[in-house]
Amino acid sequence: QPLLLGSNMRDDNSALTVDLTNSDVYRDGRLTLQKDTLHIVRSIFLWRGTAYQRIGLQNHGDHAASFDLTLLFDNDFADLFEVRG
């Protein structure tokens, strides 16, 4: 689970940028990835009537990092009027 570093919303609400980092990652009881090694930038923005997401990863460690990245998507199919309310 990534750790929140900070976030920023544009004044016109057209873009949200979230900066995250990794927590300590253990495999078989051994520390394999130290906290704050990876910088994760998640940008959610609107362009031409469509919502987009961009995810960027940057390794700040002194070794290559190998890991599984899992993205889970969900939808509740809420009616637009429920969302507005």
PDB file of N, CA and C in Angstrom:
ATOM      1  N   GLN A   1       0.846  -1.175   0.000  1.00  0.00           N
ATOM      2  CA  GLN A   1       0.000   0.000   0.000  1.00  0.00           C
ATOM      3  C   GLN A   1       0.891   1.238   0.000  1.00  0.00           C
ATOM      4  N   PRO A   2       0.771   2.128  -0.994  1.00  0.00           N
ATOM      5  CA  PRO A   2       1.598   3.342  -1.035  1.00  0.00           C
ATOM      6  C   PRO A   2       1.269   4.293   0.115  1.00  0.00           C
ATOM      7  N   LEU A   3       2.232   5.127   0.462  1.00  0.00           N
ATOM      8  CA  LEU A   3       2.071   6.130   1.513  1.00  0.00           C
ATOM      9  C   LEU A   3       1.931   7.492   0.870  1.00  0.00           C
ATOM     10  N   LEU A   4       0.986   8.298   1.340  1.00  0.00           N
ATOM     11  CA  LEU A   4       0.724   9.620   0.786  1.00  0.00           C
ATOM     12  C   LEU A   4       1.799  10.612   1.196  1.00  0.00           C
ATOM     13  N   LEU A   5       2.380  11.299   0.211  1.00  0.00           N
ATOM     14  CA  LEU A   5       3.310  12.391   0.479  1.00  0.00           C
ATOM     15  C   LEU A   5       2.601  13.735   0.401  1.00  0.00           C
ATOM     16  N   GLY A   6       1.683  13.867  -0.543  1.00  0.00           N
ATOM     17  CA  GLY A   6       0.938  15.113  -0.703  1.00  0.00           C
ATOM     18  C   GLY A   6       0.101  15.052  -1.962  1.00  0.00           C
ATOM     19  N   SER A   7      -0.796  16.036  -2.106  1.00  0.00           N
ATOM     20  CA  SER A   7      -1.635  16.098  -3.298  1.00  0.00           C
ATOM     21  C   SER A   7      -1.940  17.548  -3.626  1.00  0.00           C
ATOM     22  N   ASN A   8      -2.338  17.762  -4.878  1.00  0.00           N
ATOM     23  CA  ASN A   8      -2.629  19.110  -5.334  1.00  0.00           C
ATOM     24  C   ASN A   8      -3.764  19.052  -6.355  1.00  0.00           C
ATOM     25  N   MET A   9      -4.774  19.920  -6.165  1.00  0.00           N
ATOM     26  CA  MET A   9      -5.905  20.013  -7.087  1.00  0.00           C
ATOM     27  C   MET A   9      -5.823  21.366  -7.796  1.00  0.00           C
ATOM     28  N   ARG A  10      -5.963  21.361  -9.118  1.00  0.00           N
ATOM     29  CA  ARG A  10      -5.977  22.628  -9.856  1.00  0.00           C
ATOM     30  C   ARG A  10      -7.173  23.458  -9.428  1.00  0.00           C
ATOM     31  N   ASP A  11      -7.050  24.775  -9.517  1.00  0.00           N
ATOM     32  CA  ASP A  11      -8.125  25.670  -9.107  1.00  0.00           C
ATOM     33  C   ASP A  11      -9.426  25.421  -9.861  1.00  0.00           C
ATOM     34  N   ASP A  12      -9.342  25.008 -11.129  1.00  0.00           N
ATOM     35  CA  ASP A  12     -10.552  24.755 -11.908  1.00  0.00           C
ATOM     36  C   ASP A  12     -11.027  23.300 -11.793  1.00  0.00           C
ATOM     37  N   ASN A  13     -10.444  22.536 -10.877  1.00  0.00           N
ATOM     38  CA  ASN A  13     -10.791  21.132 -10.614  1.00  0.00           C
ATOM     39  C   ASN A  13     -10.593  20.220 -11.824  1.00  0.00           C
ATOM     40  N   SER A  14      -9.758  20.601 -12.779  1.00  0.00           N
ATOM     41  CA  SER A  14      -9.566  19.782 -13.977  1.00  0.00           C
ATOM     42  C   SER A  14      -8.446  18.749 -13.819  1.00  0.00           C
ATOM     43  N   ALA A  15      -7.662  18.851 -12.753  1.00  0.00           N
ATOM     44  CA  ALA A  15      -6.557  17.902 -12.568  1.00  0.00           C
ATOM     45  C   ALA A  15      -6.241  17.718 -11.091  1.00  0.00           C
ATOM     46  N   LEU A  16      -5.949  16.486 -10.730  1.00  0.00           N
ATOM     47  CA  LEU A  16      -5.513  16.129  -9.382  1.00  0.00           C
ATOM     48  C   LEU A  16      -4.193  15.385  -9.515  1.00  0.00           C
ATOM     49  N   THR A  17      -3.189  15.817  -8.776  1.00  0.00           N
ATOM     50  CA  THR A  17      -1.895  15.143  -8.760  1.00  0.00           C
ATOM     51  C   THR A  17      -1.626  14.668  -7.341  1.00  0.00           C
ATOM     52  N   VAL A  18      -1.281  13.387  -7.218  1.00  0.00           N
ATOM     53  CA  VAL A  18      -1.026  12.781  -5.916  1.00  0.00           C
ATOM     54  C   VAL A  18       0.384  12.192  -5.921  1.00  0.00           C
ATOM     55  N   ASP A  19       1.198  12.587  -4.938  1.00  0.00           N
ATOM     56  CA  ASP A  19       2.547  12.057  -4.783  1.00  0.00           C
ATOM     57  C   ASP A  19       2.543  11.013  -3.677  1.00  0.00           C
ATOM     58  N   LEU A  20       3.092   9.848  -3.994  1.00  0.00           N
ATOM     59  CA  LEU A  20       3.110   8.717  -3.067  1.00  0.00           C
ATOM     60  C   LEU A  20       4.515   8.135  -3.000  1.00  0.00           C
ATOM     61  N   THR A  21       4.759   7.335  -1.977  1.00  0.00           N
ATOM     62  CA  THR A  21       6.004   6.594  -1.866  1.00  0.00           C
ATOM     63  C   THR A  21       5.683   5.198  -1.345  1.00  0.00           C
ATOM     64  N   ASN A  22       6.661   4.333  -1.373  1.00  0.00           N
ATOM     65  CA  ASN A  22       6.439   2.968  -0.894  1.00  0.00           C
ATOM     66  C   ASN A  22       6.720   2.856   0.600  1.00  0.00           C
ATOM     67  N   SER A  23       6.063   1.900   1.220  1.00  0.00           N
ATOM     68  CA  SER A  23       6.397   1.538   2.602  1.00  0.00           C
ATOM     69  C   SER A  23       7.503   0.485   2.539  1.00  0.00           C
ATOM     70  N   ASP A  24       8.030   0.071   3.690  1.00  0.00           N
ATOM     71  CA  ASP A  24       8.994  -1.024   3.713  1.00  0.00           C
ATOM     72  C   ASP A  24       8.326  -2.272   3.130  1.00  0.00           C
ATOM     73  N   VAL A  25       9.019  -2.967   2.236  1.00  0.00           N
ATOM     74  CA  VAL A  25       8.486  -4.178   1.620  1.00  0.00           C
ATOM     75  C   VAL A  25       9.345  -5.358   2.051  1.00  0.00           C
ATOM     76  N   TYR A  26       8.690  -6.368   2.625  1.00  0.00           N
ATOM     77  CA  TYR A  26       9.376  -7.564   3.096  1.00  0.00           C
ATOM     78  C   TYR A  26       8.963  -8.754   2.246  1.00  0.00           C
ATOM     79  N   ARG A  27       9.900  -9.623   1.957  1.00  0.00           N
ATOM     80  CA  ARG A  27       9.626 -10.890   1.280  1.00  0.00           C
ATOM     81  C   ARG A  27      10.362 -11.985   2.038  1.00  0.00           C
ATOM     82  N   ASP A  28       9.627 -12.987   2.477  1.00  0.00           N
ATOM     83  CA  ASP A  28      10.189 -14.088   3.265  1.00  0.00           C
ATOM     84  C   ASP A  28      10.900 -13.572   4.518  1.00  0.00           C
ATOM     85  N   GLY A  29      10.325 -12.535   5.163  1.00  0.00           N
ATOM     86  CA  GLY A  29      10.880 -11.990   6.391  1.00  0.00           C
ATOM     87  C   GLY A  29      12.097 -11.096   6.204  1.00  0.00           C
ATOM     88  N   ARG A  30      12.487 -10.843   4.957  1.00  0.00           N
ATOM     89  CA  ARG A  30      13.652 -10.007   4.657  1.00  0.00           C
ATOM     90  C   ARG A  30      13.214  -8.705   4.013  1.00  0.00           C
ATOM     91  N   LEU A  31      13.823  -7.602   4.406  1.00  0.00           N
ATOM     92  CA  LEU A  31      13.531  -6.303   3.801  1.00  0.00           C
ATOM     93  C   LEU A  31      14.085  -6.287   2.379  1.00  0.00           C
ATOM     94  N   THR A  32      13.196  -6.179   1.390  1.00  0.00           N
ATOM     95  CA  THR A  32      13.637  -6.189  -0.010  1.00  0.00           C
ATOM     96  C   THR A  32      13.554  -4.824  -0.664  1.00  0.00           C
ATOM     97  N   LEU A  33      12.733  -3.929  -0.104  1.00  0.00           N
ATOM     98  CA  LEU A  33      12.613  -2.572  -0.650  1.00  0.00           C
ATOM     99  C   LEU A  33      12.386  -1.613   0.507  1.00  0.00           C
ATOM    100  N   GLN A  34      13.362  -0.758   0.739  1.00  0.00           N
ATOM    101  CA  GLN A  34      13.302   0.179   1.854  1.00  0.00           C
ATOM    102  C   GLN A  34      12.292   1.289   1.579  1.00  0.00           C
ATOM    103  N   LYS A  35      11.637   1.753   2.648  1.00  0.00           N
ATOM    104  CA  LYS A  35      10.670   2.836   2.561  1.00  0.00           C
ATOM    105  C   LYS A  35      11.289   4.046   1.856  1.00  0.00           C
ATOM    106  N   ASP A  36      10.478   4.756   1.077  1.00  0.00           N
ATOM    107  CA  ASP A  36      10.851   5.985   0.358  1.00  0.00           C
ATOM    108  C   ASP A  36      11.830   5.752  -0.791  1.00  0.00           C
ATOM    109  N   THR A  37      11.907   4.526  -1.300  1.00  0.00           N
ATOM    110  CA  THR A  37      12.783   4.255  -2.443  1.00  0.00           C
ATOM    111  C   THR A  37      12.104   4.636  -3.755  1.00  0.00           C
ATOM    112  N   LEU A  38      10.811   4.348  -3.843  1.00  0.00           N
ATOM    113  CA  LEU A  38      10.066   4.642  -5.067  1.00  0.00           C
ATOM    114  C   LEU A  38       9.207   5.886  -4.894  1.00  0.00           C
ATOM    115  N   HIS A  39       9.207   6.741  -5.912  1.00  0.00           N
ATOM    116  CA  HIS A  39       8.309   7.895  -5.956  1.00  0.00           C
ATOM    117  C   HIS A  39       7.241   7.575  -6.987  1.00  0.00           C
ATOM    118  N   ILE A  40       6.003   7.644  -6.564  1.00  0.00           N
ATOM    119  CA  ILE A  40       4.870   7.337  -7.423  1.00  0.00           C
ATOM    120  C   ILE A  40       4.070   8.618  -7.616  1.00  0.00           C
ATOM    121  N   VAL A  41       3.840   8.996  -8.863  1.00  0.00           N
ATOM    122  CA  VAL A  41       3.030  10.175  -9.166  1.00  0.00           C
ATOM    123  C   VAL A  41       1.784   9.700  -9.888  1.00  0.00           C
ATOM    124  N   ARG A  42       0.634  10.037  -9.345  1.00  0.00           N
ATOM    125  CA  ARG A  42      -0.647   9.672  -9.957  1.00  0.00           C
ATOM    126  C   ARG A  42      -1.363  10.955 -10.347  1.00  0.00           C
ATOM    127  N   SER A  43      -1.616  11.111 -11.631  1.00  0.00           N
ATOM    128  CA  SER A  43      -2.304  12.294 -12.146  1.00  0.00           C
ATOM    129  C   SER A  43      -3.636  11.880 -12.741  1.00  0.00           C
ATOM    130  N   ILE A  44      -4.685  12.552 -12.310  1.00  0.00           N
ATOM    131  CA  ILE A  44      -6.025  12.323 -12.830  1.00  0.00           C
ATOM    132  C   ILE A  44      -6.479  13.652 -13.414  1.00  0.00           C
ATOM    133  N   PHE A  45      -6.860  13.647 -14.695  1.00  0.00           N
ATOM    134  CA  PHE A  45      -7.191  14.914 -15.324  1.00  0.00           C
ATOM    135  C   PHE A  45      -8.297  14.745 -16.357  1.00  0.00           C
ATOM    136  N   LEU A  46      -8.970  15.844 -16.642  1.00  0.00           N
ATOM    137  CA  LEU A  46     -10.019  15.880 -17.653  1.00  0.00           C
ATOM    138  C   LEU A  46      -9.471  16.558 -18.897  1.00  0.00           C
ATOM    139  N   TRP A  47      -9.744  15.951 -20.051  1.00  0.00           N
ATOM    140  CA  TRP A  47      -9.324  16.544 -21.320  1.00  0.00           C
ATOM    141  C   TRP A  47     -10.318  16.150 -22.390  1.00  0.00           C
ATOM    142  N   ARG A  48     -10.895  17.129 -23.029  1.00  0.00           N
ATOM    143  CA  ARG A  48     -11.884  16.931 -24.093  1.00  0.00           C
ATOM    144  C   ARG A  48     -13.027  16.011 -23.654  1.00  0.00           C
ATOM    145  N   GLY A  49     -13.521  16.259 -22.455  1.00  0.00           N
ATOM    146  CA  GLY A  49     -14.685  15.528 -21.962  1.00  0.00           C
ATOM    147  C   GLY A  49     -14.425  14.105 -21.486  1.00  0.00           C
ATOM    148  N   THR A  50     -13.168  13.743 -21.322  1.00  0.00           N
ATOM    149  CA  THR A  50     -12.825  12.397 -20.884  1.00  0.00           C
ATOM    150  C   THR A  50     -11.884  12.468 -19.685  1.00  0.00           C
ATOM    151  N   ALA A  51     -12.055  11.573 -18.731  1.00  0.00           N
ATOM    152  CA  ALA A  51     -11.172  11.492 -17.565  1.00  0.00           C
ATOM    153  C   ALA A  51     -10.032  10.521 -17.873  1.00  0.00           C
ATOM    154  N   TYR A  52      -8.810  10.936 -17.566  1.00  0.00           N
ATOM    155  CA  TYR A  52      -7.617  10.125 -17.784  1.00  0.00           C
ATOM    156  C   TYR A  52      -6.851   9.970 -16.479  1.00  0.00           C
ATOM    157  N   GLN A  53      -6.042   8.913 -16.419  1.00  0.00           N
ATOM    158  CA  GLN A  53      -5.122   8.722 -15.301  1.00  0.00           C
ATOM    159  C   GLN A  53      -3.754   8.388 -15.857  1.00  0.00           C
ATOM    160  N   ARG A  54      -2.738   8.968 -15.238  1.00  0.00           N
ATOM    161  CA  ARG A  54      -1.359   8.649 -15.603  1.00  0.00           C
ATOM    162  C   ARG A  54      -0.623   8.307 -14.310  1.00  0.00           C
ATOM    163  N   ILE A  55       0.116   7.213 -14.344  1.00  0.00           N
ATOM    164  CA  ILE A  55       0.874   6.783 -13.176  1.00  0.00           C
ATOM    165  C   ILE A  55       2.343   6.717 -13.569  1.00  0.00           C
ATOM    166  N   GLY A  56       3.186   7.407 -12.806  1.00  0.00           N
ATOM    167  CA  GLY A  56       4.622   7.394 -13.054  1.00  0.00           C
ATOM    168  C   GLY A  56       5.364   6.846 -11.844  1.00  0.00           C
ATOM    169  N   LEU A  57       6.417   6.101 -12.102  1.00  0.00           N
ATOM    170  CA  LEU A  57       7.251   5.524 -11.043  1.00  0.00           C
ATOM    171  C   LEU A  57       8.691   5.956 -11.262  1.00  0.00           C
ATOM    172  N   GLN A  58       9.352   6.347 -10.176  1.00  0.00           N
ATOM    173  CA  GLN A  58      10.765   6.707 -10.249  1.00  0.00           C
ATOM    174  C   GLN A  58      11.499   6.045  -9.092  1.00  0.00           C
ATOM    175  N   ASN A  59      12.588   5.367  -9.430  1.00  0.00           N
ATOM    176  CA  ASN A  59      13.394   4.668  -8.437  1.00  0.00           C
ATOM    177  C   ASN A  59      14.491   5.604  -7.936  1.00  0.00           C
ATOM    178  N   HIS A  60      14.483   5.904  -6.637  1.00  0.00           N
ATOM    179  CA  HIS A  60      15.513   6.751  -6.025  1.00  0.00           C
ATOM    180  C   HIS A  60      16.555   5.920  -5.281  1.00  0.00           C
ATOM    181  N   GLY A  61      16.502   4.615  -5.441  1.00  0.00           N
ATOM    182  CA  GLY A  61      17.474   3.734  -4.805  1.00  0.00           C
ATOM    183  C   GLY A  61      18.727   3.609  -5.654  1.00  0.00           C
ATOM    184  N   ASP A  62      19.711   2.936  -5.108  1.00  0.00           N
ATOM    185  CA  ASP A  62      20.969   2.757  -5.835  1.00  0.00           C
ATOM    186  C   ASP A  62      21.037   1.391  -6.515  1.00  0.00           C
ATOM    187  N   HIS A  63      19.921   0.627  -6.491  1.00  0.00           N
ATOM    188  CA  HIS A  63      19.840  -0.665  -7.164  1.00  0.00           C
ATOM    189  C   HIS A  63      18.543  -0.735  -7.950  1.00  0.00           C
ATOM    190  N   ALA A  64      18.506  -1.578  -8.953  1.00  0.00           N
ATOM    191  CA  ALA A  64      17.268  -1.819  -9.691  1.00  0.00           C
ATOM    192  C   ALA A  64      16.234  -2.434  -8.753  1.00  0.00           C
ATOM    193  N   ALA A  65      14.998  -2.052  -8.937  1.00  0.00           N
ATOM    194  CA  ALA A  65      13.908  -2.582  -8.105  1.00  0.00           C
ATOM    195  C   ALA A  65      13.001  -3.448  -8.970  1.00  0.00           C
ATOM    196  N   SER A  66      12.681  -4.620  -8.477  1.00  0.00           N
ATOM    197  CA  SER A  66      11.782  -5.528  -9.175  1.00  0.00           C
ATOM    198  C   SER A  66      10.585  -5.802  -8.272  1.00  0.00           C
ATOM    199  N   PHE A  67       9.387  -5.600  -8.786  1.00  0.00           N
ATOM    200  CA  PHE A  67       8.189  -5.790  -7.957  1.00  0.00           C
ATOM    201  C   PHE A  67       6.990  -6.008  -8.859  1.00  0.00           C
ATOM    202  N   ASP A  68       5.928  -6.515  -8.282  1.00  0.00           N
ATOM    203  CA  ASP A  68       4.653  -6.679  -8.983  1.00  0.00           C
ATOM    204  C   ASP A  68       3.815  -5.438  -8.728  1.00  0.00           C
ATOM    205  N   LEU A  69       3.228  -4.903  -9.777  1.00  0.00           N
ATOM    206  CA  LEU A  69       2.344  -3.740  -9.669  1.00  0.00           C
ATOM    207  C   LEU A  69       0.945  -4.212 -10.030  1.00  0.00           C
ATOM    208  N   THR A  70       0.018  -4.067  -9.090  1.00  0.00           N
ATOM    209  CA  THR A  70      -1.362  -4.492  -9.303  1.00  0.00           C
ATOM    210  C   THR A  70      -2.273  -3.280  -9.256  1.00  0.00           C
ATOM    211  N   LEU A  71      -3.089  -3.119 -10.281  1.00  0.00           N
ATOM    212  CA  LEU A  71      -4.070  -2.039 -10.332  1.00  0.00           C
ATOM    213  C   LEU A  71      -5.457  -2.665 -10.280  1.00  0.00           C
ATOM    214  N   LEU A  72      -6.273  -2.226  -9.333  1.00  0.00           N
ATOM    215  CA  LEU A  72      -7.632  -2.732  -9.187  1.00  0.00           C
ATOM    216  C   LEU A  72      -8.609  -1.619  -9.530  1.00  0.00           C
ATOM    217  N   PHE A  73      -9.589  -1.914 -10.353  1.00  0.00           N
ATOM    218  CA  PHE A  73     -10.593  -0.941 -10.757  1.00  0.00           C
ATOM    219  C   PHE A  73     -11.957  -1.424 -10.306  1.00  0.00           C
ATOM    220  N   ASP A  74     -12.807  -0.475  -9.935  1.00  0.00           N
ATOM    221  CA  ASP A  74     -14.138  -0.817  -9.470  1.00  0.00           C
ATOM    222  C   ASP A  74     -15.095   0.283  -9.900  1.00  0.00           C
ATOM    223  N   ASN A  75     -16.366  -0.027  -9.956  1.00  0.00           N
ATOM    224  CA  ASN A  75     -17.384   0.935 -10.324  1.00  0.00           C
ATOM    225  C   ASN A  75     -18.650   0.596  -9.555  1.00  0.00           C
ATOM    226  N   ASP A  76     -19.338   1.622  -9.080  1.00  0.00           N
ATOM    227  CA  ASP A  76     -20.585   1.363  -8.354  1.00  0.00           C
ATOM    228  C   ASP A  76     -21.817   1.645  -9.218  1.00  0.00           C
ATOM    229  N   PHE A  77     -21.620   2.157 -10.434  1.00  0.00           N
ATOM    230  CA  PHE A  77     -22.696   2.451 -11.366  1.00  0.00           C
ATOM    231  C   PHE A  77     -23.769   3.354 -10.750  1.00  0.00           C
ATOM    232  N   ALA A  78     -23.318   4.294  -9.899  1.00  0.00           N
ATOM    233  CA  ALA A  78     -24.250   5.235  -9.279  1.00  0.00           C
ATOM    234  C   ALA A  78     -24.826   6.161 -10.348  1.00  0.00           C
ATOM    235  N   ASP A  79     -26.085   6.475 -10.189  1.00  0.00           N
ATOM    236  CA  ASP A  79     -26.751   7.409 -11.096  1.00  0.00           C
ATOM    237  C   ASP A  79     -26.116   8.785 -10.965  1.00  0.00           C
ATOM    238  N   LEU A  80     -25.981   9.497 -12.062  1.00  0.00           N
ATOM    239  CA  LEU A  80     -25.349  10.816 -12.062  1.00  0.00           C
ATOM    240  C   LEU A  80     -26.017  11.759 -11.059  1.00  0.00           C
ATOM    241  N   PHE A  81     -27.339  11.666 -10.903  1.00  0.00           N
ATOM    242  CA  PHE A  81     -28.024  12.538  -9.961  1.00  0.00           C
ATOM    243  C   PHE A  81     -27.709  12.175  -8.514  1.00  0.00           C
ATOM    244  N   GLU A  82     -27.430  10.912  -8.239  1.00  0.00           N
ATOM    245  CA  GLU A  82     -26.995  10.503  -6.895  1.00  0.00           C
ATOM    246  C   GLU A  82     -25.612  11.076  -6.588  1.00  0.00           C
ATOM    247  N   VAL A  83     -24.737  11.041  -7.580  1.00  0.00           N
ATOM    248  CA  VAL A  83     -23.377  11.558  -7.399  1.00  0.00           C
ATOM    249  C   VAL A  83     -23.417  13.039  -7.110  1.00  0.00           C
ATOM    250  N   ARG A  84     -24.232  13.768  -7.854  1.00  0.00           N
ATOM    251  CA  ARG A  84     -24.351  15.228  -7.650  1.00  0.00           C
ATOM    252  C   ARG A  84     -24.939  15.550  -6.278  1.00  0.00           C
ATOM    253  N   GLY A  85     -25.818  14.711  -5.785  1.00  0.00           N
ATOM    254  CA  GLY A  85     -26.492  14.966  -4.514  1.00  0.00           C
ATOM    255  C   GLY A  85     -25.572  14.707  -3.366  1.00  0.00           C
TER     256      GLY A  85
END
